[in-house]
Amino acid sequence: MVSKKEVVVQYLFHCGFAVESGNYLLIFDYFDSYARIRNKSDEIKLNSYFLYEELSNKIQSVKYPFVFVSHNHYDHFSPIVFEWIKLNPNLTYILSNDIQLIEKDKFKWSEIDCIKMSPYQSTRKDGLDITTFGSTDIGVSFYVGLNGLKLFHAGDLNWWHWADESTEDELEEEEKKFKEEVARIEGNPIDIMFFPVDPRLGDYYWLGGSYMIEVFKPGLFVPMHFAENTDIIRKFVDRMKKHNVPIFAINQIGQYYNYITK
């Protein structure tokens, strides 16, 4: 068991993370990279497989396991997460309300301890405080209170500045949507922030992350939504030095960051 003073953040892949604190294990947006990664090295696939086994063992042994899914895009939601209910009857799923079980899935909602949430709702389960905010794509973002710590997982909330394929009016509209959504979150302290740093945005990969760091000054910024492109994280860390905010400099699947609370 991880002490309440220590929070262990583990990178799973893309936007997937595990957070351990005290009797809690929180898994966000698990991406079944073992099955999904195409044409990648055997080493990456093997690491992903062993990581799934490691998570399964942790779920089996922890008192309060939670699985969060921000929306139904394939890179955020892998139906394999429902296999974990076999391992621990205390497992709770916190799902965006756009998540659906399809006919080929093995489970029924009645068999799963599940809380489905729309944006701007709050709930409490097993001492965990959960509030949802919106997204600039689909689904929700999560604001979670854990052992006195405040976590924010953005899902697909980002400043999506697609400069090469958008008009000036479209770019202005994306900025407006993003800043209006962030304004709803302002005033809430954030200790650990999980937020997209997406290389597909080209020269503007840093835009949303920089804005969030400036507004919230989190205790730890955790970049995500970069698939296997860890080079973009090195660039982001270098660019954000002036803000003096710790950044999880991710370079491999399964990597840990130990965050010590005050």
Protein backbone atom coordinates (compact mmCIF):
# COMPACT_ATOMS: atom_id res chain seq x y z
CA MET A 1 0.00 0.00 0.00
CA VAL A 2 1.24 3.49 -0.90
CA SER A 3 1.12 5.99 1.97
CA LYS A 4 -1.27 8.94 1.85
CA LYS A 5 1.67 11.31 1.75
CA GLU A 6 3.07 9.64 -1.35
CA VAL A 7 1.23 9.62 -4.67
CA VAL A 8 2.63 7.31 -7.33
CA VAL A 9 1.75 8.24 -10.91
CA GLN A 10 2.45 5.64 -13.58
CA TYR A 11 2.34 6.28 -17.32
CA LEU A 12 0.38 3.57 -19.13
CA PHE A 13 0.29 4.93 -22.69
CA HIS A 14 -1.07 7.99 -24.51
CA CYS A 15 -3.65 9.38 -22.02
CA GLY A 16 -3.61 6.38 -19.71
CA PHE A 17 -2.31 6.72 -16.17
CA ALA A 18 -2.51 4.89 -12.86
CA VAL A 19 -2.51 6.87 -9.61
CA GLU A 20 -1.86 5.16 -6.28
CA SER A 21 -2.40 6.75 -2.88
CA GLY A 22 -3.18 4.99 0.39
CA ASN A 23 -5.87 2.35 -0.24
CA TYR A 24 -6.76 3.81 -3.63
CA LEU A 25 -5.85 2.92 -7.19
CA LEU A 26 -7.21 5.19 -9.93
CA ILE A 27 -6.81 4.24 -13.59
CA PHE A 28 -7.56 6.92 -16.18
CA ASP A 29 -8.28 6.37 -19.91
CA TYR A 30 -6.54 3.02 -20.21
CA PHE A 31 -5.48 2.44 -23.81
CA ASP A 32 -4.98 -1.22 -24.71
CA SER A 33 -1.69 -0.43 -26.39
CA TYR A 34 -0.66 -4.08 -26.52
CA ALA A 35 -3.48 -4.81 -28.94
CA ARG A 36 -3.85 -1.40 -30.55
CA ILE A 37 -0.30 -0.38 -31.43
CA ARG A 38 0.24 -1.33 -35.04
CA ASN A 39 3.67 -1.92 -36.60
CA LYS A 40 5.49 -1.05 -33.39
CA SER A 41 8.46 -2.86 -31.94
CA ASP A 42 8.07 -6.13 -30.11
CA GLU A 43 9.63 -4.43 -27.10
CA ILE A 44 6.80 -1.85 -26.88
CA LYS A 45 4.15 -4.53 -27.28
CA LEU A 46 5.81 -6.75 -24.68
CA ASN A 47 6.08 -3.88 -22.20
CA SER A 48 2.38 -3.11 -22.74
CA TYR A 49 1.42 -6.71 -22.10
CA PHE A 50 3.36 -6.92 -18.83
CA LEU A 51 1.94 -3.55 -17.78
CA TYR A 52 -1.60 -4.89 -18.17
CA GLU A 53 -0.68 -7.85 -15.98
CA GLU A 54 0.85 -5.51 -13.39
CA LEU A 55 -2.31 -3.38 -13.28
CA SER A 56 -4.45 -6.49 -12.93
CA ASN A 57 -2.45 -7.59 -9.90
CA LYS A 58 -2.79 -4.16 -8.30
CA ILE A 59 -6.54 -4.08 -8.88
CA GLN A 60 -6.85 -7.47 -7.26
CA SER A 61 -5.07 -6.39 -4.08
CA VAL A 62 -6.15 -2.77 -3.49
CA LYS A 63 -9.15 -1.84 -1.33
CA TYR A 64 -10.59 0.92 -3.51
CA PRO A 65 -9.91 0.49 -7.24
CA PHE A 66 -11.45 2.93 -9.73
CA VAL A 67 -11.42 3.04 -13.53
CA PHE A 68 -12.15 6.37 -15.24
CA VAL A 69 -13.02 6.77 -18.93
CA SER A 70 -13.39 10.32 -20.27
CA HIS A 71 -15.07 9.42 -23.61
CA ASN A 72 -15.49 6.71 -26.20
CA HIS A 73 -12.63 7.45 -28.61
CA TYR A 74 -10.62 4.27 -29.12
CA ASP A 75 -7.43 5.91 -27.80
CA HIS A 76 -9.14 6.63 -24.46
CA PHE A 77 -11.48 3.68 -24.03
CA SER A 78 -10.59 0.00 -24.32
CA PRO A 79 -13.47 -2.39 -23.47
CA ILE A 80 -10.86 -4.73 -21.99
CA VAL A 81 -11.11 -2.63 -18.78
CA PHE A 82 -14.36 -4.46 -18.01
CA GLU A 83 -12.37 -7.68 -17.62
CA TRP A 84 -11.02 -6.24 -14.37
CA ILE A 85 -14.37 -6.55 -12.60
CA LYS A 86 -13.62 -10.27 -12.29
CA LEU A 87 -10.60 -9.46 -10.12
CA ASN A 88 -12.13 -7.24 -7.44
CA PRO A 89 -15.84 -6.82 -6.63
CA ASN A 90 -15.08 -3.38 -5.14
CA LEU A 91 -13.99 -2.00 -8.52
CA THR A 92 -15.95 1.10 -9.54
CA TYR A 93 -16.17 2.49 -13.07
CA ILE A 94 -16.59 6.25 -13.55
CA LEU A 95 -17.60 6.70 -17.17
CA SER A 96 -18.57 9.51 -19.47
CA ASN A 97 -22.20 9.01 -20.44
CA ASP A 98 -21.25 8.42 -24.10
CA ILE A 99 -19.64 5.06 -23.20
CA GLN A 100 -21.77 2.17 -24.40
CA LEU A 101 -21.43 -1.57 -24.15
CA ILE A 102 -21.95 -3.12 -27.56
CA GLU A 103 -23.62 -6.42 -28.34
CA LYS A 104 -20.37 -8.37 -28.61
CA ASP A 105 -19.20 -7.25 -25.15
CA LYS A 106 -19.29 -9.92 -22.47
CA PHE A 107 -20.80 -7.85 -19.67
CA LYS A 108 -24.06 -6.11 -18.85
CA TRP A 109 -24.40 -2.83 -16.98
CA SER A 110 -26.20 -4.67 -14.19
CA GLU A 111 -23.01 -6.66 -13.57
CA ILE A 112 -20.79 -3.60 -13.27
CA ASP A 113 -20.58 -1.04 -10.45
CA CYS A 114 -20.72 1.95 -12.72
CA ILE A 115 -21.38 5.67 -12.37
CA LYS A 116 -22.07 7.38 -15.71
CA MET A 117 -21.55 11.14 -15.71
CA SER A 118 -22.27 14.09 -17.97
CA PRO A 119 -20.31 17.36 -17.77
CA TYR A 120 -20.81 19.49 -14.64
CA GLN A 121 -21.93 16.75 -12.30
CA SER A 122 -20.50 15.67 -8.95
CA THR A 123 -20.56 12.44 -6.99
CA ARG A 124 -18.82 10.82 -4.03
CA LYS A 125 -17.88 7.15 -3.77
CA ASP A 126 -15.79 5.39 -1.10
CA GLY A 127 -14.35 8.72 0.07
CA LEU A 128 -13.46 9.86 -3.45
CA ASP A 129 -14.90 13.21 -4.60
CA ILE A 130 -15.49 13.40 -8.35
CA THR A 131 -16.61 16.35 -10.45
CA THR A 132 -16.86 16.43 -14.22
CA PHE A 133 -16.21 19.37 -16.49
CA GLY A 134 -16.61 19.58 -20.25
CA SER A 135 -14.36 19.01 -23.23
CA THR A 136 -13.53 20.81 -26.45
CA ASP A 137 -14.18 17.52 -28.24
CA ILE A 138 -16.54 14.95 -26.68
CA GLY A 139 -17.05 13.46 -23.24
CA VAL A 140 -15.86 14.90 -19.95
CA SER A 141 -12.81 15.97 -18.02
CA PHE A 142 -12.37 14.74 -14.43
CA TYR A 143 -11.62 16.70 -11.25
CA VAL A 144 -10.96 14.25 -8.42
CA GLY A 145 -10.30 14.69 -4.70
CA LEU A 146 -8.08 11.90 -3.34
CA ASN A 147 -6.70 11.88 0.22
CA GLY A 148 -6.73 15.69 0.27
CA LEU A 149 -5.10 15.89 -3.16
CA LYS A 150 -6.77 17.41 -6.23
CA LEU A 151 -6.28 15.70 -9.59
CA PHE A 152 -7.41 16.90 -13.00
CA HIS A 153 -7.51 14.65 -16.07
CA ALA A 154 -8.45 16.64 -19.15
CA GLY A 155 -9.58 13.85 -21.47
CA ASP A 156 -9.80 15.58 -24.85
CA LEU A 157 -10.08 19.09 -23.42
CA ASN A 158 -7.41 21.10 -25.20
CA TRP A 159 -6.77 24.23 -27.22
CA TRP A 160 -7.08 22.45 -30.58
CA HIS A 161 -5.21 24.90 -32.80
CA TRP A 162 -5.16 23.10 -36.17
CA ALA A 163 -3.31 25.86 -38.00
CA ASP A 164 -2.81 23.99 -41.28
CA GLU A 165 -6.43 22.99 -41.77
CA SER A 166 -8.54 25.75 -40.20
CA THR A 167 -9.68 29.23 -41.16
CA GLU A 168 -8.93 32.21 -38.94
CA ASP A 169 -12.55 32.21 -37.78
CA GLU A 170 -12.31 28.51 -36.87
CA LEU A 171 -9.10 29.06 -34.94
CA GLU A 172 -10.69 31.93 -33.01
CA GLU A 173 -13.72 29.77 -32.23
CA GLU A 174 -11.49 26.95 -30.90
CA GLU A 175 -9.64 29.40 -28.66
CA LYS A 176 -12.93 30.81 -27.37
CA LYS A 177 -14.36 27.34 -26.63
CA PHE A 178 -11.22 26.31 -24.80
CA LYS A 179 -10.90 29.42 -22.66
CA GLU A 180 -14.60 29.40 -21.77
CA GLU A 181 -14.32 25.81 -20.57
CA VAL A 182 -11.17 26.54 -18.57
CA ALA A 183 -12.96 29.49 -16.95
CA ARG A 184 -15.49 27.01 -15.52
CA ILE A 185 -12.64 25.14 -13.80
CA GLU A 186 -10.77 28.21 -12.49
CA GLY A 187 -10.80 28.63 -8.73
CA ASN A 188 -10.33 24.92 -8.14
CA PRO A 189 -6.81 24.08 -6.94
CA ILE A 190 -5.01 21.39 -8.93
CA ASP A 191 -2.10 19.42 -7.48
CA ILE A 192 -1.59 17.00 -10.38
CA MET A 193 -2.77 17.93 -13.88
CA PHE A 194 -2.94 15.47 -16.79
CA PHE A 195 -3.21 17.47 -20.00
CA PRO A 196 -2.65 16.97 -23.78
CA VAL A 197 0.64 17.87 -25.42
CA ASP A 198 -0.23 16.66 -28.91
CA PRO A 199 2.48 16.61 -31.62
CA ARG A 200 -0.18 16.60 -34.36
CA LEU A 201 -0.71 20.30 -33.64
CA GLY A 202 2.70 21.05 -35.13
CA ASP A 203 4.24 24.28 -33.85
CA TYR A 204 1.26 24.79 -31.52
CA TYR A 205 1.62 21.55 -29.50
CA TRP A 206 2.43 23.58 -26.39
CA LEU A 207 -0.40 26.12 -26.53
CA GLY A 208 -3.01 24.52 -24.28
CA GLY A 209 -0.52 23.12 -21.78
CA SER A 210 1.20 26.45 -21.38
CA TYR A 211 -2.13 28.19 -20.79
CA MET A 212 -3.14 25.66 -18.13
CA ILE A 213 0.20 25.97 -16.36
CA GLU A 214 -0.10 29.76 -16.29
CA VAL A 215 -3.70 29.71 -15.00
CA PHE A 216 -3.49 26.90 -12.41
CA LYS A 217 0.21 26.53 -11.51
CA PRO A 218 -0.25 22.83 -10.63
CA GLY A 219 2.07 21.02 -8.27
CA LEU A 220 2.85 18.61 -11.13
CA PHE A 221 2.04 18.84 -14.83
CA VAL A 222 1.70 15.47 -16.59
CA PRO A 223 1.71 15.61 -20.41
CA MET A 224 -0.41 13.16 -22.37
CA HIS A 225 -2.01 12.46 -25.78
CA PHE A 226 1.33 12.05 -27.57
CA ALA A 227 1.19 8.27 -28.31
CA GLU A 228 4.80 7.05 -28.69
CA ASN A 229 6.24 10.47 -29.60
CA THR A 230 8.24 11.19 -26.43
CA ASP A 231 10.44 13.69 -28.29
CA ILE A 232 7.62 16.21 -28.01
CA ILE A 233 7.76 15.91 -24.21
CA ARG A 234 11.43 16.87 -24.14
CA LYS A 235 10.61 19.92 -26.26
CA PHE A 236 7.71 20.85 -23.99
CA VAL A 237 9.76 20.50 -20.80
CA ASP A 238 12.42 22.75 -22.25
CA ARG A 239 9.89 25.35 -23.40
CA MET A 240 8.10 25.45 -20.01
CA LYS A 241 11.23 25.99 -17.88
CA LYS A 242 10.35 29.63 -17.28
CA HIS A 243 7.14 28.63 -15.46
CA ASN A 244 9.01 26.74 -12.72
CA VAL A 245 6.36 23.99 -12.54
CA PRO A 246 7.49 20.35 -12.22
CA ILE A 247 6.71 18.30 -15.34
CA PHE A 248 6.66 14.52 -15.60
CA ALA A 249 9.27 14.03 -18.36
CA ILE A 250 7.83 10.81 -19.76
CA ASN A 251 10.08 8.71 -21.97
CA GLN A 252 8.73 5.15 -21.75
CA ILE A 253 5.65 3.04 -21.04
CA GLY A 254 5.35 2.04 -17.38
CA GLN A 255 7.42 4.96 -16.07
CA TYR A 256 6.74 6.16 -12.50
CA TYR A 257 6.70 9.60 -10.87
CA ASN A 258 6.65 9.80 -7.06
CA TYR A 259 4.80 12.91 -5.93
CA ILE A 260 5.08 13.76 -2.23
CA THR A 261 2.23 15.78 -0.77
CA LYS A 262 2.81 18.55 1.74
